[in-house]
C-alpha cells in the first residue's frame, strides 16, 4: 500500500500557515507531511523561511494522526548535531510517534550563514554519517562525549525523550548517497521517480521506506499554472550542481533569468490540470518502487489543490 503525503513548503508559507496546512492535509486524507528546513527561500518571491523546529511545535498542536518530519535537515554545519538531537527528541515527544527525521548534505544557500567553510559533497557525506551517530547516541538518554573527525560533544545528556525513537531517513540522489542511506539510515528520501536510486538502496541492503517528491502546480488552466511556477519556483529547472552551490536567493534569481515559460511547461513541475496526468505521475513513483509519495503544490493556490486532490486524484488510489 502506497502512502501519499503533502509537502509543507517553508519557503512559501510562514509558521502559522504551515501548521494550518498540515491540519488541512490531515483532514483531506494525506498520510504524512514532510516540511522543508531552510534558512533562506530559494528566491525572494517565495518570501518565507520560518524556523522549522518552532513550526513543528505548532504542527504538533494542530494535527492528531498525520506523520510529520523534516524533508530534509542538513545536520552538519548550520546547527551542531548535539543541538539537533535535542530539537528532534523534543519534537518527537510532542508528536508522540508521528515524527521522522529526514537528513541530507544540504545546500550552501542555508548552511553558509555561520561563515563556516562549505565542503565538497564527499566531505559533507562524511559529516552526515558522523552527525547521525551523534544524534543516535544522544537519543539513548545516556551521557555522551564524542571526539570525532568533525564534531565534539562534551558531557551531553538529553532528558526530554520520546517513548519511541524516530526513524532517520537519508536524502539520496545518486548511487553513493543511496548506499550511505542503506548503511546508516532507516529509509531514503528522493525528488523525482528515480528508479535507480531505489534499486541501489535495496541492493545495498536498505530495507526501509522509500520517499519520493512530486512537484506540481494546480490551477484551472495550464497557462495559469505555468505562470505561477515561473514566478514562484523557476529554480526547479536549474540543472547540475547549482542548487547546492549558490549562496543567496539573489544568486538563484540571476541563475533563473534564462528559464522560459516553455522550460517550465516541459520541465520538472507538473502543470497539467487533468486529473489523469497527476494520477499517472504518482503511479510512475509507485512503479519505480516508492512506497511513500508526497506532493509539493507550488504557489498560493493551496485550497483549490486540496479540493482537486481529494476529489479527483487520491480517490483513484
C-alpha atoms as a PDB file:
ATOM      1  CA  UNK A   1       0.000   0.000   0.000  1.00  0.00           C
ATOM      2  CA  UNK A   2       1.410   3.372  -1.030  1.00  0.00           C
ATOM      3  CA  UNK A   3       1.153   6.299   1.375  1.00  0.00           C
ATOM      4  CA  UNK A   4       0.592   9.783  -0.028  1.00  0.00           C
ATOM      5  CA  UNK A   5       1.883  12.977   1.525  1.00  0.00           C
ATOM      6  CA  UNK A   6       1.624  16.747   1.286  1.00  0.00           C
ATOM      7  CA  UNK A   7       4.815  18.824   1.282  1.00  0.00           C
ATOM      8  CA  UNK A   8       4.887  21.705   3.762  1.00  0.00           C
ATOM      9  CA  UNK A   9       6.860  24.354   1.871  1.00  0.00           C
ATOM     10  CA  UNK A  10       8.686  26.538   4.392  1.00  0.00           C
ATOM     11  CA  UNK A  11       9.893  28.764   1.573  1.00  0.00           C
ATOM     12  CA  UNK A  12       6.336  29.830   0.674  1.00  0.00           C
ATOM     13  CA  UNK A  13       4.420  29.929   3.979  1.00  0.00           C
ATOM     14  CA  UNK A  14       5.013  31.240   7.482  1.00  0.00           C
ATOM     15  CA  UNK A  15       4.935  29.022  10.555  1.00  0.00           C
ATOM     16  CA  UNK A  16       1.268  29.558  11.427  1.00  0.00           C
ATOM     17  CA  UNK A  17       0.186  28.936   7.828  1.00  0.00           C
ATOM     18  CA  UNK A  18       2.207  25.734   7.733  1.00  0.00           C
ATOM     19  CA  UNK A  19       0.552  24.498  10.920  1.00  0.00           C
ATOM     20  CA  UNK A  20      -2.862  25.179   9.352  1.00  0.00           C
ATOM     21  CA  UNK A  21      -1.850  23.498   6.085  1.00  0.00           C
ATOM     22  CA  UNK A  22      -0.710  20.404   7.992  1.00  0.00           C
ATOM     23  CA  UNK A  23      -4.125  20.207   9.652  1.00  0.00           C
ATOM     24  CA  UNK A  24      -5.827  20.633   6.273  1.00  0.00           C
ATOM     25  CA  UNK A  25      -3.670  17.901   4.726  1.00  0.00           C
ATOM     26  CA  UNK A  26      -4.687  15.560   7.544  1.00  0.00           C
ATOM     27  CA  UNK A  27      -8.372  16.406   7.071  1.00  0.00           C
ATOM     28  CA  UNK A  28      -8.122  15.796   3.302  1.00  0.00           C
ATOM     29  CA  UNK A  29      -6.727  12.296   3.689  1.00  0.00           C
ATOM     30  CA  UNK A  30      -2.978  12.710   3.254  1.00  0.00           C
ATOM     31  CA  UNK A  31      -0.921  10.238   5.278  1.00  0.00           C
ATOM     32  CA  UNK A  32       2.203  12.280   6.008  1.00  0.00           C
ATOM     33  CA  UNK A  33       3.642  15.782   5.673  1.00  0.00           C
ATOM     34  CA  UNK A  34       7.372  16.447   5.214  1.00  0.00           C
ATOM     35  CA  UNK A  35       8.481  20.016   5.917  1.00  0.00           C
ATOM     36  CA  UNK A  36      11.451  21.768   4.313  1.00  0.00           C
ATOM     37  CA  UNK A  37      14.175  23.113   6.620  1.00  0.00           C
ATOM     38  CA  UNK A  38      15.602  26.313   5.127  1.00  0.00           C
ATOM     39  CA  UNK A  39      17.332  29.448   6.398  1.00  0.00           C
ATOM     40  CA  UNK A  40      16.521  31.263   3.128  1.00  0.00           C
ATOM     41  CA  UNK A  41      13.880  30.755   0.449  1.00  0.00           C
ATOM     42  CA  UNK A  42      15.231  29.841  -2.966  1.00  0.00           C
ATOM     43  CA  UNK A  43      14.122  33.188  -4.409  1.00  0.00           C
ATOM     44  CA  UNK A  44      12.765  36.289  -2.684  1.00  0.00           C
ATOM     45  CA  UNK A  45       9.335  35.952  -4.317  1.00  0.00           C
ATOM     46  CA  UNK A  46       8.686  32.888  -2.131  1.00  0.00           C
ATOM     47  CA  UNK A  47       9.125  35.192   0.832  1.00  0.00           C
ATOM     48  CA  UNK A  48       9.398  32.888   3.858  1.00  0.00           C
ATOM     49  CA  UNK A  49      11.803  30.695   5.833  1.00  0.00           C
ATOM     50  CA  UNK A  50      10.438  30.088   9.360  1.00  0.00           C
ATOM     51  CA  UNK A  51      12.471  28.097  11.873  1.00  0.00           C
ATOM     52  CA  UNK A  52      11.413  24.527  11.314  1.00  0.00           C
ATOM     53  CA  UNK A  53      11.502  23.402  14.956  1.00  0.00           C
ATOM     54  CA  UNK A  54       9.161  26.182  16.082  1.00  0.00           C
ATOM     55  CA  UNK A  55       6.843  25.333  13.200  1.00  0.00           C
ATOM     56  CA  UNK A  56       6.822  21.636  14.085  1.00  0.00           C
ATOM     57  CA  UNK A  57       5.856  22.521  17.647  1.00  0.00           C
ATOM     58  CA  UNK A  58       2.813  24.301  16.228  1.00  0.00           C
ATOM     59  CA  UNK A  59       2.072  21.392  13.890  1.00  0.00           C
ATOM     60  CA  UNK A  60       2.048  19.030  16.857  1.00  0.00           C
ATOM     61  CA  UNK A  61      -0.862  21.050  18.266  1.00  0.00           C
ATOM     62  CA  UNK A  62      -2.906  21.354  15.051  1.00  0.00           C
ATOM     63  CA  UNK A  63      -2.744  17.688  13.994  1.00  0.00           C
ATOM     64  CA  UNK A  64      -3.652  14.360  15.570  1.00  0.00           C
ATOM     65  CA  UNK A  65      -2.725  11.482  13.275  1.00  0.00           C
ATOM     66  CA  UNK A  66      -0.681  12.581  10.279  1.00  0.00           C
ATOM     67  CA  UNK A  67       3.003  11.597  10.211  1.00  0.00           C
ATOM     68  CA  UNK A  68       5.303  14.646  10.133  1.00  0.00           C
ATOM     69  CA  UNK A  69       9.033  15.047   9.565  1.00  0.00           C
ATOM     70  CA  UNK A  70      11.770  17.133   8.040  1.00  0.00           C
ATOM     71  CA  UNK A  71      12.325  16.840   4.332  1.00  0.00           C
ATOM     72  CA  UNK A  72      15.205  17.387   4.852  1.00  0.00           C
ATOM     73  CA  UNK A  73      17.506  18.837   7.523  1.00  0.00           C
ATOM     74  CA  UNK A  74      21.276  19.143   6.995  1.00  0.00           C
ATOM     75  CA  UNK A  75      22.656  18.338  10.471  1.00  0.00           C
ATOM     76  CA  UNK A  76      26.226  19.237   9.541  1.00  0.00           C
ATOM     77  CA  UNK A  77      27.087  22.962   9.667  1.00  0.00           C
ATOM     78  CA  UNK A  78      24.345  25.476  10.466  1.00  0.00           C
ATOM     79  CA  UNK A  79      23.382  23.589  13.620  1.00  0.00           C
ATOM     80  CA  UNK A  80      25.511  21.230  15.659  1.00  0.00           C
ATOM     81  CA  UNK A  81      24.150  17.669  15.777  1.00  0.00           C
ATOM     82  CA  UNK A  82      24.015  17.829  19.587  1.00  0.00           C
ATOM     83  CA  UNK A  83      21.517  20.695  19.310  1.00  0.00           C
ATOM     84  CA  UNK A  84      19.552  18.877  16.638  1.00  0.00           C
ATOM     85  CA  UNK A  85      19.429  15.774  18.826  1.00  0.00           C
ATOM     86  CA  UNK A  86      17.621  17.854  21.449  1.00  0.00           C
ATOM     87  CA  UNK A  87      15.341  19.539  18.874  1.00  0.00           C
ATOM     88  CA  UNK A  88      14.326  16.237  17.313  1.00  0.00           C
ATOM     89  CA  UNK A  89      13.849  14.479  20.647  1.00  0.00           C
ATOM     90  CA  UNK A  90      11.541  17.243  21.853  1.00  0.00           C
ATOM     91  CA  UNK A  91       9.635  17.316  18.562  1.00  0.00           C
ATOM     92  CA  UNK A  92       9.266  13.536  18.544  1.00  0.00           C
ATOM     93  CA  UNK A  93       7.950  13.544  22.101  1.00  0.00           C
ATOM     94  CA  UNK A  94       5.358  16.207  21.193  1.00  0.00           C
ATOM     95  CA  UNK A  95       4.274  14.350  18.053  1.00  0.00           C
ATOM     96  CA  UNK A  96       4.059  11.090  20.023  1.00  0.00           C
ATOM     97  CA  UNK A  97       5.342   8.560  17.488  1.00  0.00           C
ATOM     98  CA  UNK A  98       4.451  10.552  14.371  1.00  0.00           C
ATOM     99  CA  UNK A  99       7.833  12.191  13.713  1.00  0.00           C
ATOM    100  CA  UNK A 100      10.584  11.188  11.281  1.00  0.00           C
ATOM    101  CA  UNK A 101      13.953  12.913  10.903  1.00  0.00           C
ATOM    102  CA  UNK A 102      14.878  13.412   7.256  1.00  0.00           C
ATOM    103  CA  UNK A 103      18.528  14.361   6.737  1.00  0.00           C
ATOM    104  CA  UNK A 104      20.840  15.258   3.873  1.00  0.00           C
ATOM    105  CA  UNK A 105      24.047  17.028   2.921  1.00  0.00           C
ATOM    106  CA  UNK A 106      22.352  20.391   2.400  1.00  0.00           C
ATOM    107  CA  UNK A 107      22.854  23.447   0.225  1.00  0.00           C
ATOM    108  CA  UNK A 108      25.230  26.375   0.545  1.00  0.00           C
ATOM    109  CA  UNK A 109      22.125  28.622   0.453  1.00  0.00           C
ATOM    110  CA  UNK A 110      21.256  27.602   4.008  1.00  0.00           C
ATOM    111  CA  UNK A 111      24.448  26.302   5.566  1.00  0.00           C
ATOM    112  CA  UNK A 112      26.944  29.087   4.814  1.00  0.00           C
ATOM    113  CA  UNK A 113      25.284  31.570   7.187  1.00  0.00           C
ATOM    114  CA  UNK A 114      27.618  30.872  10.130  1.00  0.00           C
ATOM    115  CA  UNK A 115      30.666  31.628   7.985  1.00  0.00           C
ATOM    116  CA  UNK A 116      31.947  28.057   8.132  1.00  0.00           C
ATOM    117  CA  UNK A 117      33.615  26.605   5.041  1.00  0.00           C
ATOM    118  CA  UNK A 118      31.289  24.918   2.547  1.00  0.00           C
ATOM    119  CA  UNK A 119      32.894  21.495   1.966  1.00  0.00           C
ATOM    120  CA  UNK A 120      32.682  19.322  -1.153  1.00  0.00           C
ATOM    121  CA  UNK A 121      29.968  16.696  -1.251  1.00  0.00           C
ATOM    122  CA  UNK A 122      32.100  13.706  -0.205  1.00  0.00           C
ATOM    123  CA  UNK A 123      33.173  15.564   2.947  1.00  0.00           C
ATOM    124  CA  UNK A 124      29.593  16.596   3.702  1.00  0.00           C
ATOM    125  CA  UNK A 125      28.568  12.958   3.380  1.00  0.00           C
ATOM    126  CA  UNK A 126      31.227  12.002   5.944  1.00  0.00           C
ATOM    127  CA  UNK A 127      29.955  14.764   8.218  1.00  0.00           C
ATOM    128  CA  UNK A 128      26.394  13.497   7.810  1.00  0.00           C
ATOM    129  CA  UNK A 129      27.347   9.971   8.868  1.00  0.00           C
ATOM    130  CA  UNK A 130      29.128  11.259  11.974  1.00  0.00           C
ATOM    131  CA  UNK A 131      26.236  13.607  12.797  1.00  0.00           C
ATOM    132  CA  UNK A 132      23.777  10.696  12.645  1.00  0.00           C
ATOM    133  CA  UNK A 133      25.989   8.770  15.085  1.00  0.00           C
ATOM    134  CA  UNK A 134      25.972  11.738  17.492  1.00  0.00           C
ATOM    135  CA  UNK A 135      22.203  12.169  17.284  1.00  0.00           C
ATOM    136  CA  UNK A 136      21.500   8.494  17.874  1.00  0.00           C
ATOM    137  CA  UNK A 137      23.932   8.359  20.805  1.00  0.00           C
ATOM    138  CA  UNK A 138      22.154  11.280  22.474  1.00  0.00           C
ATOM    139  CA  UNK A 139      18.728   9.799  21.782  1.00  0.00           C
ATOM    140  CA  UNK A 140      19.775   6.920  24.052  1.00  0.00           C
ATOM    141  CA  UNK A 141      19.412   9.235  27.036  1.00  0.00           C
ATOM    142  CA  UNK A 142      22.902   8.378  28.222  1.00  0.00           C
ATOM    143  CA  UNK A 143      25.685  10.854  28.999  1.00  0.00           C
ATOM    144  CA  UNK A 144      27.599  11.346  25.750  1.00  0.00           C
ATOM    145  CA  UNK A 145      31.081  12.617  24.996  1.00  0.00           C
ATOM    146  CA  UNK A 146      32.341  12.449  21.441  1.00  0.00           C
ATOM    147  CA  UNK A 147      35.659  13.481  19.914  1.00  0.00           C
ATOM    148  CA  UNK A 148      35.311  12.823  16.202  1.00  0.00           C
ATOM    149  CA  UNK A 149      36.664  13.975  12.885  1.00  0.00           C
ATOM    150  CA  UNK A 150      34.110  16.766  12.537  1.00  0.00           C
ATOM    151  CA  UNK A 151      32.253  17.144  15.853  1.00  0.00           C
ATOM    152  CA  UNK A 152      32.966  17.328  19.553  1.00  0.00           C
ATOM    153  CA  UNK A 153      30.410  16.671  22.270  1.00  0.00           C
ATOM    154  CA  UNK A 154      31.268  17.077  25.939  1.00  0.00           C
ATOM    155  CA  UNK A 155      29.168  15.543  28.733  1.00  0.00           C
ATOM    156  CA  UNK A 156      25.822  15.991  26.978  1.00  0.00           C
ATOM    157  CA  UNK A 157      22.651  14.211  28.055  1.00  0.00           C
ATOM    158  CA  UNK A 158      19.054  14.585  26.889  1.00  0.00           C
ATOM    159  CA  UNK A 159      16.280  14.444  29.455  1.00  0.00           C
ATOM    160  CA  UNK A 160      13.220  15.089  27.275  1.00  0.00           C
ATOM    161  CA  UNK A 161      12.968  11.973  25.129  1.00  0.00           C
ATOM    162  CA  UNK A 162      10.182  10.366  23.080  1.00  0.00           C
ATOM    163  CA  UNK A 163       8.831   6.975  24.072  1.00  0.00           C
ATOM    164  CA  UNK A 164       9.656   5.758  20.558  1.00  0.00           C
ATOM    165  CA  UNK A 165      12.937   6.627  18.817  1.00  0.00           C
ATOM    166  CA  UNK A 166      12.135   8.283  15.483  1.00  0.00           C
ATOM    167  CA  UNK A 167      13.445   6.869  12.204  1.00  0.00           C
ATOM    168  CA  UNK A 168      16.145   8.696  10.257  1.00  0.00           C
ATOM    169  CA  UNK A 169      15.589   8.908   6.508  1.00  0.00           C
ATOM    170  CA  UNK A 170      18.569   9.911   4.361  1.00  0.00           C
ATOM    171  CA  UNK A 171      18.302  12.013   1.205  1.00  0.00           C
ATOM    172  CA  UNK A 172      19.621  10.074  -1.787  1.00  0.00           C
ATOM    173  CA  UNK A 173      20.035  11.324  -5.347  1.00  0.00           C
ATOM    174  CA  UNK A 174      22.851   9.098  -6.620  1.00  0.00           C
ATOM    175  CA  UNK A 175      24.455   5.725  -6.064  1.00  0.00           C
ATOM    176  CA  UNK A 176      26.905   6.875  -3.371  1.00  0.00           C
ATOM    177  CA  UNK A 177      24.271   8.567  -1.231  1.00  0.00           C
ATOM    178  CA  UNK A 178      21.866   5.646  -1.759  1.00  0.00           C
ATOM    179  CA  UNK A 179      24.475   3.236  -0.407  1.00  0.00           C
ATOM    180  CA  UNK A 180      25.113   5.576   2.521  1.00  0.00           C
ATOM    181  CA  UNK A 181      21.387   5.651   3.234  1.00  0.00           C
ATOM    182  CA  UNK A 182      21.331   1.851   3.284  1.00  0.00           C
ATOM    183  CA  UNK A 183      24.283   1.759   5.678  1.00  0.00           C
ATOM    184  CA  UNK A 184      23.292   4.431   8.206  1.00  0.00           C
ATOM    185  CA  UNK A 185      19.632   5.317   7.647  1.00  0.00           C
ATOM    186  CA  UNK A 186      16.212   3.818   8.179  1.00  0.00           C
ATOM    187  CA  UNK A 187      14.903   4.826   4.736  1.00  0.00           C
ATOM    188  CA  UNK A 188      15.536   7.190   1.830  1.00  0.00           C
ATOM    189  CA  UNK A 189      14.111  10.480   0.560  1.00  0.00           C
ATOM    190  CA  UNK A 190      14.373  11.469  -3.100  1.00  0.00           C
ATOM    191  CA  UNK A 191      12.968  14.003  -5.578  1.00  0.00           C
ATOM    192  CA  UNK A 192      11.620  12.531  -8.781  1.00  0.00           C
ATOM    193  CA  UNK A 193      10.797   8.889  -9.619  1.00  0.00           C
ATOM    194  CA  UNK A 194      14.426   7.768  -9.766  1.00  0.00           C
ATOM    195  CA  UNK A 195      14.183   4.003 -10.030  1.00  0.00           C
ATOM    196  CA  UNK A 196      17.962   3.561  -9.987  1.00  0.00           C
ATOM    197  CA  UNK A 197      18.269   5.125  -6.530  1.00  0.00           C
ATOM    198  CA  UNK A 198      15.717   2.698  -5.100  1.00  0.00           C
ATOM    199  CA  UNK A 199      17.438  -0.265  -6.753  1.00  0.00           C
ATOM    200  CA  UNK A 200      20.854   0.799  -5.413  1.00  0.00           C
ATOM    201  CA  UNK A 201      19.410   1.303  -1.944  1.00  0.00           C
ATOM    202  CA  UNK A 202      17.785  -2.151  -1.965  1.00  0.00           C
ATOM    203  CA  UNK A 203      20.866  -3.849  -3.456  1.00  0.00           C
ATOM    204  CA  UNK A 204      22.991  -2.290  -0.695  1.00  0.00           C
ATOM    205  CA  UNK A 205      20.775  -3.854   1.961  1.00  0.00           C
ATOM    206  CA  UNK A 206      18.390  -0.981   2.594  1.00  0.00           C
ATOM    207  CA  UNK A 207      15.007  -2.304   3.690  1.00  0.00           C
ATOM    208  CA  UNK A 208      13.303   0.869   4.941  1.00  0.00           C
ATOM    209  CA  UNK A 209      10.600   3.021   3.387  1.00  0.00           C
ATOM    210  CA  UNK A 210      11.292   4.991   0.203  1.00  0.00           C
ATOM    211  CA  UNK A 211      10.024   8.571  -0.046  1.00  0.00           C
ATOM    212  CA  UNK A 212       9.746  10.436  -3.359  1.00  0.00           C
ATOM    213  CA  UNK A 213       8.591  14.011  -4.025  1.00  0.00           C
ATOM    214  CA  UNK A 214       6.439  15.122  -6.962  1.00  0.00           C
ATOM    215  CA  UNK A 215       6.307  18.855  -7.736  1.00  0.00           C
ATOM    216  CA  UNK A 216       3.024  20.144  -9.170  1.00  0.00           C
ATOM    217  CA  UNK A 217       1.207  23.432  -9.591  1.00  0.00           C
ATOM    218  CA  UNK A 218      -2.563  23.153  -9.716  1.00  0.00           C
ATOM    219  CA  UNK A 219      -4.607  25.826 -11.464  1.00  0.00           C
ATOM    220  CA  UNK A 220      -7.736  25.860 -13.611  1.00  0.00           C
ATOM    221  CA  UNK A 221      -5.627  26.195 -16.753  1.00  0.00           C
ATOM    222  CA  UNK A 222      -2.125  25.087 -17.634  1.00  0.00           C
ATOM    223  CA  UNK A 223      -1.255  28.633 -18.685  1.00  0.00           C
ATOM    224  CA  UNK A 224      -2.068  29.915 -15.197  1.00  0.00           C
ATOM    225  CA  UNK A 225      -0.020  27.130 -13.602  1.00  0.00           C
ATOM    226  CA  UNK A 226       2.985  27.812 -15.852  1.00  0.00           C
ATOM    227  CA  UNK A 227       2.829  31.489 -14.914  1.00  0.00           C
ATOM    228  CA  UNK A 228       2.686  30.631 -11.204  1.00  0.00           C
ATOM    229  CA  UNK A 229       5.664  28.287 -11.396  1.00  0.00           C
ATOM    230  CA  UNK A 230       7.631  30.862 -13.389  1.00  0.00           C
ATOM    231  CA  UNK A 231       7.023  33.419 -10.631  1.00  0.00           C
ATOM    232  CA  UNK A 232       7.317  31.179  -7.565  1.00  0.00           C
ATOM    233  CA  UNK A 233       9.504  28.163  -8.379  1.00  0.00           C
ATOM    234  CA  UNK A 234      11.656  28.604 -11.517  1.00  0.00           C
ATOM    235  CA  UNK A 235      14.549  27.012  -9.630  1.00  0.00           C
ATOM    236  CA  UNK A 236      13.061  23.607 -10.381  1.00  0.00           C
ATOM    237  CA  UNK A 237      14.504  23.923 -13.874  1.00  0.00           C
ATOM    238  CA  UNK A 238      18.093  24.608 -12.828  1.00  0.00           C
ATOM    239  CA  UNK A 239      20.448  21.882 -14.000  1.00  0.00           C
ATOM    240  CA  UNK A 240      23.613  20.451 -12.497  1.00  0.00           C
ATOM    241  CA  UNK A 241      25.072  21.353  -9.091  1.00  0.00           C
ATOM    242  CA  UNK A 242      23.760  24.936  -8.917  1.00  0.00           C
ATOM    243  CA  UNK A 243      21.109  24.139  -6.325  1.00  0.00           C
ATOM    244  CA  UNK A 244      23.698  23.031  -3.789  1.00  0.00           C
ATOM    245  CA  UNK A 245      26.310  25.675  -4.587  1.00  0.00           C
ATOM    246  CA  UNK A 246      24.651  29.101  -4.942  1.00  0.00           C
ATOM    247  CA  UNK A 247      24.755  31.150  -1.708  1.00  0.00           C
ATOM    248  CA  UNK A 248      21.799  33.578  -1.754  1.00  0.00           C
ATOM    249  CA  UNK A 249      18.285  33.996  -3.186  1.00  0.00           C
ATOM    250  CA  UNK A 250      19.647  36.784  -5.426  1.00  0.00           C
ATOM    251  CA  UNK A 251      22.083  34.323  -6.999  1.00  0.00           C
ATOM    252  CA  UNK A 252      19.229  31.902  -7.705  1.00  0.00           C
ATOM    253  CA  UNK A 253      17.176  34.693  -9.253  1.00  0.00           C
ATOM    254  CA  UNK A 254      20.076  35.527 -11.547  1.00  0.00           C
ATOM    255  CA  UNK A 255      20.520  31.865 -12.489  1.00  0.00           C
ATOM    256  CA  UNK A 256      16.808  31.627 -13.352  1.00  0.00           C
ATOM    257  CA  UNK A 257      16.776  34.625 -15.700  1.00  0.00           C
ATOM    258  CA  UNK A 258      17.067  32.327 -18.724  1.00  0.00           C
ATOM    259  CA  UNK A 259      14.312  29.923 -17.599  1.00  0.00           C
ATOM    260  CA  UNK A 260      11.480  30.360 -20.099  1.00  0.00           C
ATOM    261  CA  UNK A 261       7.764  29.601 -19.876  1.00  0.00           C
ATOM    262  CA  UNK A 262       8.356  26.713 -22.274  1.00  0.00           C
ATOM    263  CA  UNK A 263      11.093  25.355 -19.970  1.00  0.00           C
ATOM    264  CA  UNK A 264       8.558  25.354 -17.148  1.00  0.00           C
ATOM    265  CA  UNK A 265       5.826  23.778 -19.278  1.00  0.00           C
ATOM    266  CA  UNK A 266       8.123  20.930 -20.306  1.00  0.00           C
ATOM    267  CA  UNK A 267      10.036  20.767 -17.032  1.00  0.00           C
ATOM    268  CA  UNK A 268      10.010  19.089 -13.647  1.00  0.00           C
ATOM    269  CA  UNK A 269       6.853  20.685 -12.205  1.00  0.00           C
ATOM    270  CA  UNK A 270       3.567  19.178 -13.395  1.00  0.00           C
ATOM    271  CA  UNK A 271       1.305  21.994 -14.655  1.00  0.00           C
ATOM    272  CA  UNK A 272      -1.401  19.991 -16.445  1.00  0.00           C
ATOM    273  CA  UNK A 273      -4.807  20.341 -14.658  1.00  0.00           C
ATOM    274  CA  UNK A 274      -6.036  16.991 -15.991  1.00  0.00           C
ATOM    275  CA  UNK A 275      -6.504  14.561 -13.054  1.00  0.00           C
ATOM    276  CA  UNK A 276      -5.249  11.701 -15.217  1.00  0.00           C
ATOM    277  CA  UNK A 277      -1.876  13.463 -15.591  1.00  0.00           C
ATOM    278  CA  UNK A 278      -1.492  13.645 -11.804  1.00  0.00           C
ATOM    279  CA  UNK A 279      -2.630  10.059 -11.308  1.00  0.00           C
ATOM    280  CA  UNK A 280      -0.129   8.902 -13.933  1.00  0.00           C
ATOM    281  CA  UNK A 281       2.680  10.927 -12.324  1.00  0.00           C
ATOM    282  CA  UNK A 282       2.007   9.397  -8.918  1.00  0.00           C
ATOM    283  CA  UNK A 283       1.779   5.930 -10.455  1.00  0.00           C
ATOM    284  CA  UNK A 284       5.213   6.469 -12.007  1.00  0.00           C
ATOM    285  CA  UNK A 285       6.651   6.786  -8.486  1.00  0.00           C
ATOM    286  CA  UNK A 286       4.810   3.659  -7.358  1.00  0.00           C
ATOM    287  CA  UNK A 287       6.106   1.728 -10.358  1.00  0.00           C
ATOM    288  CA  UNK A 288       9.657   2.922  -9.610  1.00  0.00           C
ATOM    289  CA  UNK A 289       9.488   1.369  -6.145  1.00  0.00           C
ATOM    290  CA  UNK A 290       8.482   4.290  -3.911  1.00  0.00           C
ATOM    291  CA  UNK A 291       6.092   3.338  -1.130  1.00  0.00           C
ATOM    292  CA  UNK A 292       5.675   6.958   0.052  1.00  0.00           C
ATOM    293  CA  UNK A 293       4.959   9.724  -2.472  1.00  0.00           C
ATOM    294  CA  UNK A 294       4.456  13.336  -1.428  1.00  0.00           C
ATOM    295  CA  UNK A 295       3.238  16.261  -3.483  1.00  0.00           C
ATOM    296  CA  UNK A 296       4.575  19.810  -3.383  1.00  0.00           C
ATOM    297  CA  UNK A 297       1.994  22.217  -4.780  1.00  0.00           C
ATOM    298  CA  UNK A 298       3.776  25.384  -5.877  1.00  0.00           C
ATOM    299  CA  UNK A 299       2.254  28.811  -5.221  1.00  0.00           C
ATOM    300  CA  UNK A 300      -0.514  30.260  -3.067  1.00  0.00           C
ATOM    301  CA  UNK A 301      -3.413  28.220  -4.530  1.00  0.00           C
ATOM    302  CA  UNK A 302      -3.483  25.566  -1.824  1.00  0.00           C
ATOM    303  CA  UNK A 303      -7.219  25.314  -1.120  1.00  0.00           C
ATOM    304  CA  UNK A 304      -8.053  24.534  -4.748  1.00  0.00           C
ATOM    305  CA  UNK A 305      -5.225  21.977  -4.776  1.00  0.00           C
ATOM    306  CA  UNK A 306      -6.674  20.215  -1.730  1.00  0.00           C
ATOM    307  CA  UNK A 307     -10.131  20.083  -3.369  1.00  0.00           C
ATOM    308  CA  UNK A 308      -8.644  18.745  -6.604  1.00  0.00           C
ATOM    309  CA  UNK A 309      -6.519  16.048  -4.977  1.00  0.00           C
ATOM    310  CA  UNK A 310      -9.182  14.899  -2.533  1.00  0.00           C
ATOM    311  CA  UNK A 311     -11.924  14.623  -5.150  1.00  0.00           C
ATOM    312  CA  UNK A 312     -10.095  13.684  -8.344  1.00  0.00           C
ATOM    313  CA  UNK A 313      -6.636  12.251  -7.609  1.00  0.00           C
ATOM    314  CA  UNK A 314      -6.226  10.461  -4.292  1.00  0.00           C
ATOM    315  CA  UNK A 315      -9.565   8.730  -4.750  1.00  0.00           C
ATOM    316  CA  UNK A 316      -8.053   6.888  -7.736  1.00  0.00           C
ATOM    317  CA  UNK A 317      -5.695   5.090  -5.369  1.00  0.00           C
END
